[in-house]
Amino acid sequence: NMTAYGALFLGENTCVSYGDKVIGTNHVLPTR
């Protein structure tokens, strides 16, 4: 249902901090 986002974090077991630091996807993402 979504088409515009830098990165999706699905469910309460996941958080943005994982993406920022440790999970493996890249944290350099589009803003504005």
PDB file of all heavy atoms in Angstrom:
ATOM      1  N   ASN A   1       0.783  -1.235   0.000  1.00  0.00           N
ATOM      2  CA  ASN A   1       0.000   0.000   0.000  1.00  0.00           C
ATOM      3  C   ASN A   1       0.816   1.286   0.000  1.00  0.00           C
ATOM      4  O   ASN A   1       0.258   2.358  -0.224  1.00  0.00           O
ATOM      5  CB  ASN A   1      -0.923   0.022   1.218  1.00  0.00           C
ATOM      6  CG  ASN A   1      -2.072  -0.957   1.102  1.00  0.00           C
ATOM      7  OD1 ASN A   1      -3.065  -0.683   0.445  1.00  0.00           O
ATOM      8  ND2 ASN A   1      -1.920  -2.123   1.727  1.00  0.00           N
ATOM      9  N   MET A   2       2.120   1.200   0.253  1.00  0.00           N
ATOM     10  CA  MET A   2       2.954   2.401   0.280  1.00  0.00           C
ATOM     11  C   MET A   2       3.960   2.401  -0.872  1.00  0.00           C
ATOM     12  O   MET A   2       4.442   1.348  -1.295  1.00  0.00           O
ATOM     13  CB  MET A   2       3.695   2.528   1.609  1.00  0.00           C
ATOM     14  CG  MET A   2       2.810   2.916   2.773  1.00  0.00           C
ATOM     15  SD  MET A   2       3.799   3.371   4.223  1.00  0.00           S
ATOM     16  CE  MET A   2       4.662   4.828   3.595  1.00  0.00           C
ATOM     17  N   THR A   3       4.266   3.593  -1.362  1.00  0.00           N
ATOM     18  CA  THR A   3       5.190   3.711  -2.489  1.00  0.00           C
ATOM     19  C   THR A   3       6.282   4.743  -2.260  1.00  0.00           C
ATOM     20  O   THR A   3       7.213   4.839  -3.071  1.00  0.00           O
ATOM     21  CB  THR A   3       4.438   4.112  -3.768  1.00  0.00           C
ATOM     22  OG1 THR A   3       3.817   5.399  -3.576  1.00  0.00           O
ATOM     23  CG2 THR A   3       3.366   3.098  -4.125  1.00  0.00           C
ATOM     24  N   ALA A   4       6.207   5.540  -1.199  1.00  0.00           N
ATOM     25  CA  ALA A   4       7.168   6.633  -1.019  1.00  0.00           C
ATOM     26  C   ALA A   4       7.748   6.601   0.390  1.00  0.00           C
ATOM     27  O   ALA A   4       7.109   7.037   1.346  1.00  0.00           O
ATOM     28  CB  ALA A   4       6.493   7.984  -1.290  1.00  0.00           C
ATOM     29  N   TYR A   5       8.968   6.079   0.502  1.00  0.00           N
ATOM     30  CA  TYR A   5       9.652   6.008   1.793  1.00  0.00           C
ATOM     31  C   TYR A   5      11.119   5.702   1.518  1.00  0.00           C
ATOM     32  O   TYR A   5      11.482   5.117   0.494  1.00  0.00           O
ATOM     33  CB  TYR A   5       9.055   4.916   2.688  1.00  0.00           C
ATOM     34  CG  TYR A   5       8.889   3.574   2.010  1.00  0.00           C
ATOM     35  CD1 TYR A   5       9.954   2.669   1.953  1.00  0.00           C
ATOM     36  CD2 TYR A   5       7.684   3.221   1.409  1.00  0.00           C
ATOM     37  CE1 TYR A   5       9.803   1.455   1.308  1.00  0.00           C
ATOM     38  CE2 TYR A   5       7.530   2.003   0.769  1.00  0.00           C
ATOM     39  CZ  TYR A   5       8.592   1.129   0.718  1.00  0.00           C
ATOM     40  OH  TYR A   5       8.450  -0.081   0.079  1.00  0.00           O
ATOM     41  N   GLY A   6      11.969   6.107   2.464  1.00  0.00           N
ATOM     42  CA  GLY A   6      13.376   5.763   2.337  1.00  0.00           C
ATOM     43  C   GLY A   6      13.618   4.317   2.715  1.00  0.00           C
ATOM     44  O   GLY A   6      14.285   3.570   2.005  1.00  0.00           O
ATOM     45  N   ALA A   7      13.057   3.897   3.857  1.00  0.00           N
ATOM     46  CA  ALA A   7      13.156   2.511   4.300  1.00  0.00           C
ATOM     47  C   ALA A   7      11.969   2.194   5.188  1.00  0.00           C
ATOM     48  O   ALA A   7      11.518   3.035   5.969  1.00  0.00           O
ATOM     49  CB  ALA A   7      14.461   2.267   5.063  1.00  0.00           C
ATOM     50  N   LEU A   8      11.466   0.967   5.064  1.00  0.00           N
ATOM     51  CA  LEU A   8      10.358   0.494   5.893  1.00  0.00           C
ATOM     52  C   LEU A   8      10.885  -0.415   7.001  1.00  0.00           C
ATOM     53  O   LEU A   8      11.794  -1.220   6.772  1.00  0.00           O
ATOM     54  CB  LEU A   8       9.362  -0.314   5.054  1.00  0.00           C
ATOM     55  CG  LEU A   8       8.312   0.421   4.244  1.00  0.00           C
ATOM     56  CD1 LEU A   8       7.441  -0.600   3.511  1.00  0.00           C
ATOM     57  CD2 LEU A   8       7.443   1.311   5.112  1.00  0.00           C
ATOM     58  N   PHE A   9      10.278  -0.296   8.179  1.00  0.00           N
ATOM     59  CA  PHE A   9      10.613  -1.137   9.330  1.00  0.00           C
ATOM     60  C   PHE A   9       9.304  -1.765   9.795  1.00  0.00           C
ATOM     61  O   PHE A   9       8.432  -1.083  10.334  1.00  0.00           O
ATOM     62  CB  PHE A   9      11.267  -0.298  10.422  1.00  0.00           C
ATOM     63  CG  PHE A   9      12.537   0.369   9.947  1.00  0.00           C
ATOM     64  CD1 PHE A   9      12.492   1.561   9.236  1.00  0.00           C
ATOM     65  CD2 PHE A   9      13.766  -0.220  10.180  1.00  0.00           C
ATOM     66  CE1 PHE A   9      13.651   2.161   8.763  1.00  0.00           C
ATOM     67  CE2 PHE A   9      14.935   0.373   9.719  1.00  0.00           C
ATOM     68  CZ  PHE A   9      14.878   1.566   9.007  1.00  0.00           C
ATOM     69  N   LEU A  10       9.180  -3.061   9.564  1.00  0.00           N
ATOM     70  CA  LEU A  10       7.891  -3.732   9.693  1.00  0.00           C
ATOM     71  C   LEU A  10       7.746  -4.447  11.028  1.00  0.00           C
ATOM     72  O   LEU A  10       8.508  -5.374  11.335  1.00  0.00           O
ATOM     73  CB  LEU A  10       7.712  -4.734   8.551  1.00  0.00           C
ATOM     74  CG  LEU A  10       7.830  -4.153   7.133  1.00  0.00           C
ATOM     75  CD1 LEU A  10       7.756  -5.263   6.087  1.00  0.00           C
ATOM     76  CD2 LEU A  10       6.745  -3.108   6.880  1.00  0.00           C
ATOM     77  N   GLY A  11       6.780  -4.024  11.819  1.00  0.00           N
ATOM     78  CA  GLY A  11       6.455  -4.695  13.061  1.00  0.00           C
ATOM     79  C   GLY A  11       7.232  -4.191  14.256  1.00  0.00           C
ATOM     80  O   GLY A  11       8.292  -3.570  14.127  1.00  0.00           O
ATOM     81  N   GLU A  12       6.709  -4.475  15.438  1.00  0.00           N
ATOM     82  CA  GLU A  12       7.295  -3.945  16.666  1.00  0.00           C
ATOM     83  C   GLU A  12       8.586  -4.656  17.071  1.00  0.00           C
ATOM     84  O   GLU A  12       9.287  -4.197  17.977  1.00  0.00           O
ATOM     85  CB  GLU A  12       6.266  -3.985  17.800  1.00  0.00           C
ATOM     86  CG  GLU A  12       5.124  -3.011  17.569  1.00  0.00           C
ATOM     87  CD  GLU A  12       4.196  -2.856  18.769  1.00  0.00           C
ATOM     88  OE1 GLU A  12       4.421  -3.546  19.777  1.00  0.00           O
ATOM     89  OE2 GLU A  12       3.259  -2.041  18.692  1.00  0.00           O
ATOM     90  N   ASN A  13       8.928  -5.756  16.407  1.00  0.00           N
ATOM     91  CA  ASN A  13      10.225  -6.381  16.654  1.00  0.00           C
ATOM     92  C   ASN A  13      11.355  -5.660  15.912  1.00  0.00           C
ATOM     93  O   ASN A  13      12.530  -5.975  16.117  1.00  0.00           O
ATOM     94  CB  ASN A  13      10.212  -7.844  16.211  1.00  0.00           C
ATOM     95  CG  ASN A  13       9.336  -8.707  17.095  1.00  0.00           C
ATOM     96  OD1 ASN A  13       9.124  -8.393  18.259  1.00  0.00           O
ATOM     97  ND2 ASN A  13       8.816  -9.793  16.542  1.00  0.00           N
ATOM     98  N   THR A  14      10.991  -4.739  15.047  1.00  0.00           N
ATOM     99  CA  THR A  14      11.948  -4.014  14.210  1.00  0.00           C
ATOM    100  C   THR A  14      11.957  -2.555  14.638  1.00  0.00           C
ATOM    101  O   THR A  14      10.947  -2.033  15.087  1.00  0.00           O
ATOM    102  CB  THR A  14      11.530  -4.103  12.733  1.00  0.00           C
ATOM    103  OG1 THR A  14      11.111  -5.435  12.433  1.00  0.00           O
ATOM    104  CG2 THR A  14      12.664  -3.702  11.812  1.00  0.00           C
ATOM    105  N   CYS A  15      13.088  -1.882  14.485  1.00  0.00           N
ATOM    106  CA  CYS A  15      13.110  -0.449  14.789  1.00  0.00           C
ATOM    107  C   CYS A  15      14.124   0.262  13.900  1.00  0.00           C
ATOM    108  O   CYS A  15      15.040  -0.353  13.344  1.00  0.00           O
ATOM    109  CB  CYS A  15      13.426  -0.198  16.269  1.00  0.00           C
ATOM    110  SG  CYS A  15      15.063  -0.715  16.791  1.00  0.00           S
ATOM    111  N   VAL A  16      13.950   1.574  13.777  1.00  0.00           N
ATOM    112  CA  VAL A  16      14.830   2.377  12.941  1.00  0.00           C
ATOM    113  C   VAL A  16      16.265   2.302  13.441  1.00  0.00           C
ATOM    114  O   VAL A  16      17.221   2.293  12.653  1.00  0.00           O
ATOM    115  CB  VAL A  16      14.347   3.841  12.889  1.00  0.00           C
ATOM    116  CG1 VAL A  16      15.357   4.718  12.163  1.00  0.00           C
ATOM    117  CG2 VAL A  16      12.990   3.929  12.198  1.00  0.00           C
ATOM    118  N   SER A  17      16.453   2.227  14.748  1.00  0.00           N
ATOM    119  CA  SER A  17      17.802   2.155  15.299  1.00  0.00           C
ATOM    120  C   SER A  17      18.561   0.935  14.777  1.00  0.00           C
ATOM    121  O   SER A  17      19.783   0.984  14.608  1.00  0.00           O
ATOM    122  CB  SER A  17      17.746   2.113  16.825  1.00  0.00           C
ATOM    123  OG  SER A  17      17.212   3.316  17.342  1.00  0.00           O
ATOM    124  N   TYR A  18      17.852  -0.180  14.505  1.00  0.00           N
ATOM    125  CA  TYR A  18      18.508  -1.329  13.894  1.00  0.00           C
ATOM    126  C   TYR A  18      19.077  -0.940  12.531  1.00  0.00           C
ATOM    127  O   TYR A  18      20.196  -1.306  12.179  1.00  0.00           O
ATOM    128  CB  TYR A  18      17.524  -2.489  13.718  1.00  0.00           C
ATOM    129  CG  TYR A  18      17.116  -3.207  14.979  1.00  0.00           C
ATOM    130  CD1 TYR A  18      16.168  -4.218  14.936  1.00  0.00           C
ATOM    131  CD2 TYR A  18      17.682  -2.900  16.209  1.00  0.00           C
ATOM    132  CE1 TYR A  18      15.780  -4.904  16.079  1.00  0.00           C
ATOM    133  CE2 TYR A  18      17.302  -3.568  17.362  1.00  0.00           C
ATOM    134  CZ  TYR A  18      16.351  -4.563  17.293  1.00  0.00           C
ATOM    135  OH  TYR A  18      15.980  -5.237  18.432  1.00  0.00           O
ATOM    136  N   GLY A  19      18.251  -0.235  11.747  1.00  0.00           N
ATOM    137  CA  GLY A  19      18.708   0.201  10.433  1.00  0.00           C
ATOM    138  C   GLY A  19      19.839   1.206  10.517  1.00  0.00           C
ATOM    139  O   GLY A  19      20.757   1.209   9.698  1.00  0.00           O
ATOM    140  N   ASP A  20      19.780   2.069  11.522  1.00  0.00           N
ATOM    141  CA  ASP A  20      20.843   3.061  11.715  1.00  0.00           C
ATOM    142  C   ASP A  20      22.181   2.412  12.017  1.00  0.00           C
ATOM    143  O   ASP A  20      23.235   2.938  11.631  1.00  0.00           O
ATOM    144  CB  ASP A  20      20.488   3.996  12.878  1.00  0.00           C
ATOM    145  CG  ASP A  20      19.475   5.051  12.502  1.00  0.00           C
ATOM    146  OD1 ASP A  20      19.220   5.241  11.298  1.00  0.00           O
ATOM    147  OD2 ASP A  20      18.940   5.706  13.422  1.00  0.00           O
ATOM    148  N   LYS A  21      22.155   1.316  12.754  1.00  0.00           N
ATOM    149  CA  LYS A  21      23.390   0.816  13.345  1.00  0.00           C
ATOM    150  C   LYS A  21      23.815  -0.584  12.924  1.00  0.00           C
ATOM    151  O   LYS A  21      24.985  -0.817  12.660  1.00  0.00           O
ATOM    152  CB  LYS A  21      23.277   0.822  14.881  1.00  0.00           C
ATOM    153  CG  LYS A  21      22.806   2.146  15.497  1.00  0.00           C
ATOM    154  CD  LYS A  21      23.765   3.283  15.233  1.00  0.00           C
ATOM    155  CE  LYS A  21      23.269   4.588  15.866  1.00  0.00           C
ATOM    156  NZ  LYS A  21      24.124   5.726  15.469  1.00  0.00           N
ATOM    157  N   VAL A  22      22.888  -1.563  12.916  1.00  0.00           N
ATOM    158  CA  VAL A  22      23.365  -2.941  12.994  1.00  0.00           C
ATOM    159  C   VAL A  22      22.773  -3.956  12.015  1.00  0.00           C
ATOM    160  O   VAL A  22      23.394  -4.997  11.775  1.00  0.00           O
ATOM    161  CB  VAL A  22      23.133  -3.491  14.427  1.00  0.00           C
ATOM    162  CG1 VAL A  22      23.900  -2.680  15.451  1.00  0.00           C
ATOM    163  CG2 VAL A  22      21.647  -3.534  14.797  1.00  0.00           C
ATOM    164  N   ILE A  23      21.600  -3.716  11.461  1.00  0.00           N
ATOM    165  CA  ILE A  23      20.887  -4.823  10.821  1.00  0.00           C
ATOM    166  C   ILE A  23      21.434  -5.193   9.448  1.00  0.00           C
ATOM    167  O   ILE A  23      21.308  -6.329   8.997  1.00  0.00           O
ATOM    168  CB  ILE A  23      19.378  -4.521  10.759  1.00  0.00           C
ATOM    169  CG1 ILE A  23      18.564  -5.811  10.678  1.00  0.00           C
ATOM    170  CG2 ILE A  23      19.047  -3.585   9.588  1.00  0.00           C
ATOM    171  CD1 ILE A  23      17.075  -5.625  10.890  1.00  0.00           C
ATOM    172  N   GLY A  24      22.042  -4.201   8.747  1.00  0.00           N
ATOM    173  CA  GLY A  24      22.666  -4.520   7.465  1.00  0.00           C
ATOM    174  C   GLY A  24      22.197  -3.702   6.286  1.00  0.00           C
ATOM    175  O   GLY A  24      22.902  -3.597   5.280  1.00  0.00           O
ATOM    176  N   THR A  25      20.988  -3.140   6.353  1.00  0.00           N
ATOM    177  CA  THR A  25      20.552  -2.227   5.299  1.00  0.00           C
ATOM    178  C   THR A  25      21.225  -0.873   5.503  1.00  0.00           C
ATOM    179  O   THR A  25      21.735  -0.570   6.576  1.00  0.00           O
ATOM    180  CB  THR A  25      19.026  -2.057   5.326  1.00  0.00           C
ATOM    181  OG1 THR A  25      18.616  -1.756   6.674  1.00  0.00           O
ATOM    182  CG2 THR A  25      18.326  -3.317   4.853  1.00  0.00           C
ATOM    183  N   ASN A  26      21.217  -0.047   4.471  1.00  0.00           N
ATOM    184  CA  ASN A  26      21.981   1.195   4.521  1.00  0.00           C
ATOM    185  C   ASN A  26      21.198   2.304   5.202  1.00  0.00           C
ATOM    186  O   ASN A  26      19.991   2.452   4.970  1.00  0.00           O
ATOM    187  CB  ASN A  26      22.376   1.635   3.108  1.00  0.00           C
ATOM    188  CG  ASN A  26      23.643   2.444   3.110  1.00  0.00           C
ATOM    189  OD1 ASN A  26      23.677   3.568   3.594  1.00  0.00           O
ATOM    190  ND2 ASN A  26      24.706   1.876   2.571  1.00  0.00           N
ATOM    191  N   HIS A  27      21.887   3.113   6.021  1.00  0.00           N
ATOM    192  CA  HIS A  27      21.191   4.186   6.741  1.00  0.00           C
ATOM    193  C   HIS A  27      21.307   5.547   6.057  1.00  0.00           C
ATOM    194  O   HIS A  27      20.794   6.533   6.576  1.00  0.00           O
ATOM    195  CB  HIS A  27      21.655   4.248   8.198  1.00  0.00           C
ATOM    196  CG  HIS A  27      23.004   4.884   8.425  1.00  0.00           C
ATOM    197  ND1 HIS A  27      23.656   4.793   9.634  1.00  0.00           N
ATOM    198  CD2 HIS A  27      23.818   5.634   7.643  1.00  0.00           C
ATOM    199  CE1 HIS A  27      24.805   5.453   9.579  1.00  0.00           C
ATOM    200  NE2 HIS A  27      24.917   5.973   8.378  1.00  0.00           N
ATOM    201  N   VAL A  28      21.962   5.600   4.911  1.00  0.00           N
ATOM    202  CA  VAL A  28      22.012   6.862   4.152  1.00  0.00           C
ATOM    203  C   VAL A  28      20.798   6.875   3.234  1.00  0.00           C
ATOM    204  O   VAL A  28      20.765   6.178   2.214  1.00  0.00           O
ATOM    205  CB  VAL A  28      23.315   6.987   3.349  1.00  0.00           C
ATOM    206  CG1 VAL A  28      23.357   8.321   2.607  1.00  0.00           C
ATOM    207  CG2 VAL A  28      24.522   6.850   4.273  1.00  0.00           C
ATOM    208  N   LEU A  29      19.777   7.664   3.619  1.00  0.00           N
ATOM    209  CA  LEU A  29      18.457   7.568   2.995  1.00  0.00           C
ATOM    210  C   LEU A  29      17.931   8.947   2.589  1.00  0.00           C
ATOM    211  O   LEU A  29      18.355   9.965   3.132  1.00  0.00           O
ATOM    212  CB  LEU A  29      17.480   6.914   3.980  1.00  0.00           C
ATOM    213  CG  LEU A  29      17.812   5.482   4.395  1.00  0.00           C
ATOM    214  CD1 LEU A  29      16.982   5.069   5.606  1.00  0.00           C
ATOM    215  CD2 LEU A  29      17.577   4.521   3.235  1.00  0.00           C
ATOM    216  N   PRO A  30      16.974   8.982   1.653  1.00  0.00           N
ATOM    217  CA  PRO A  30      16.435  10.264   1.195  1.00  0.00           C
ATOM    218  C   PRO A  30      15.553  10.931   2.246  1.00  0.00           C
ATOM    219  O   PRO A  30      14.800  10.265   2.966  1.00  0.00           O
ATOM    220  CB  PRO A  30      15.613   9.885  -0.039  1.00  0.00           C
ATOM    221  CG  PRO A  30      15.242   8.447   0.182  1.00  0.00           C
ATOM    222  CD  PRO A  30      16.408   7.840   0.912  1.00  0.00           C
ATOM    223  N   THR A  31      15.663  12.253   2.342  1.00  0.00           N
ATOM    224  CA  THR A  31      14.855  13.054   3.254  1.00  0.00           C
ATOM    225  C   THR A  31      14.139  14.134   2.452  1.00  0.00           C
ATOM    226  O   THR A  31      14.290  14.244   1.239  1.00  0.00           O
ATOM    227  CB  THR A  31      15.730  13.715   4.337  1.00  0.00           C
ATOM    228  OG1 THR A  31      16.699  14.569   3.693  1.00  0.00           O
ATOM    229  CG2 THR A  31      16.474  12.668   5.154  1.00  0.00           C
ATOM    230  N   ARG A  32      13.327  14.941   3.149  1.00  0.00           N
ATOM    231  CA  ARG A  32      12.626  16.072   2.526  1.00  0.00           C
ATOM    232  C   ARG A  32      11.843  15.655   1.287  1.00  0.00           C
ATOM    233  O   ARG A  32      11.874  16.288   0.256  1.00  0.00           O
ATOM    234  CB  ARG A  32      13.624  17.191   2.193  1.00  0.00           C
ATOM    235  CG  ARG A  32      14.240  17.820   3.441  1.00  0.00           C
ATOM    236  CD  ARG A  32      15.288  18.850   3.100  1.00  0.00           C
ATOM    237  NE  ARG A  32      15.744  19.534   4.320  1.00  0.00           N
ATOM    238  CZ  ARG A  32      16.816  20.330   4.370  1.00  0.00           C
ATOM    239  NH1 ARG A  32      17.548  20.528   3.290  1.00  0.00           N
ATOM    240  NH2 ARG A  32      17.150  20.918   5.501  1.00  0.00           N
TER     241      ARG A  32
END
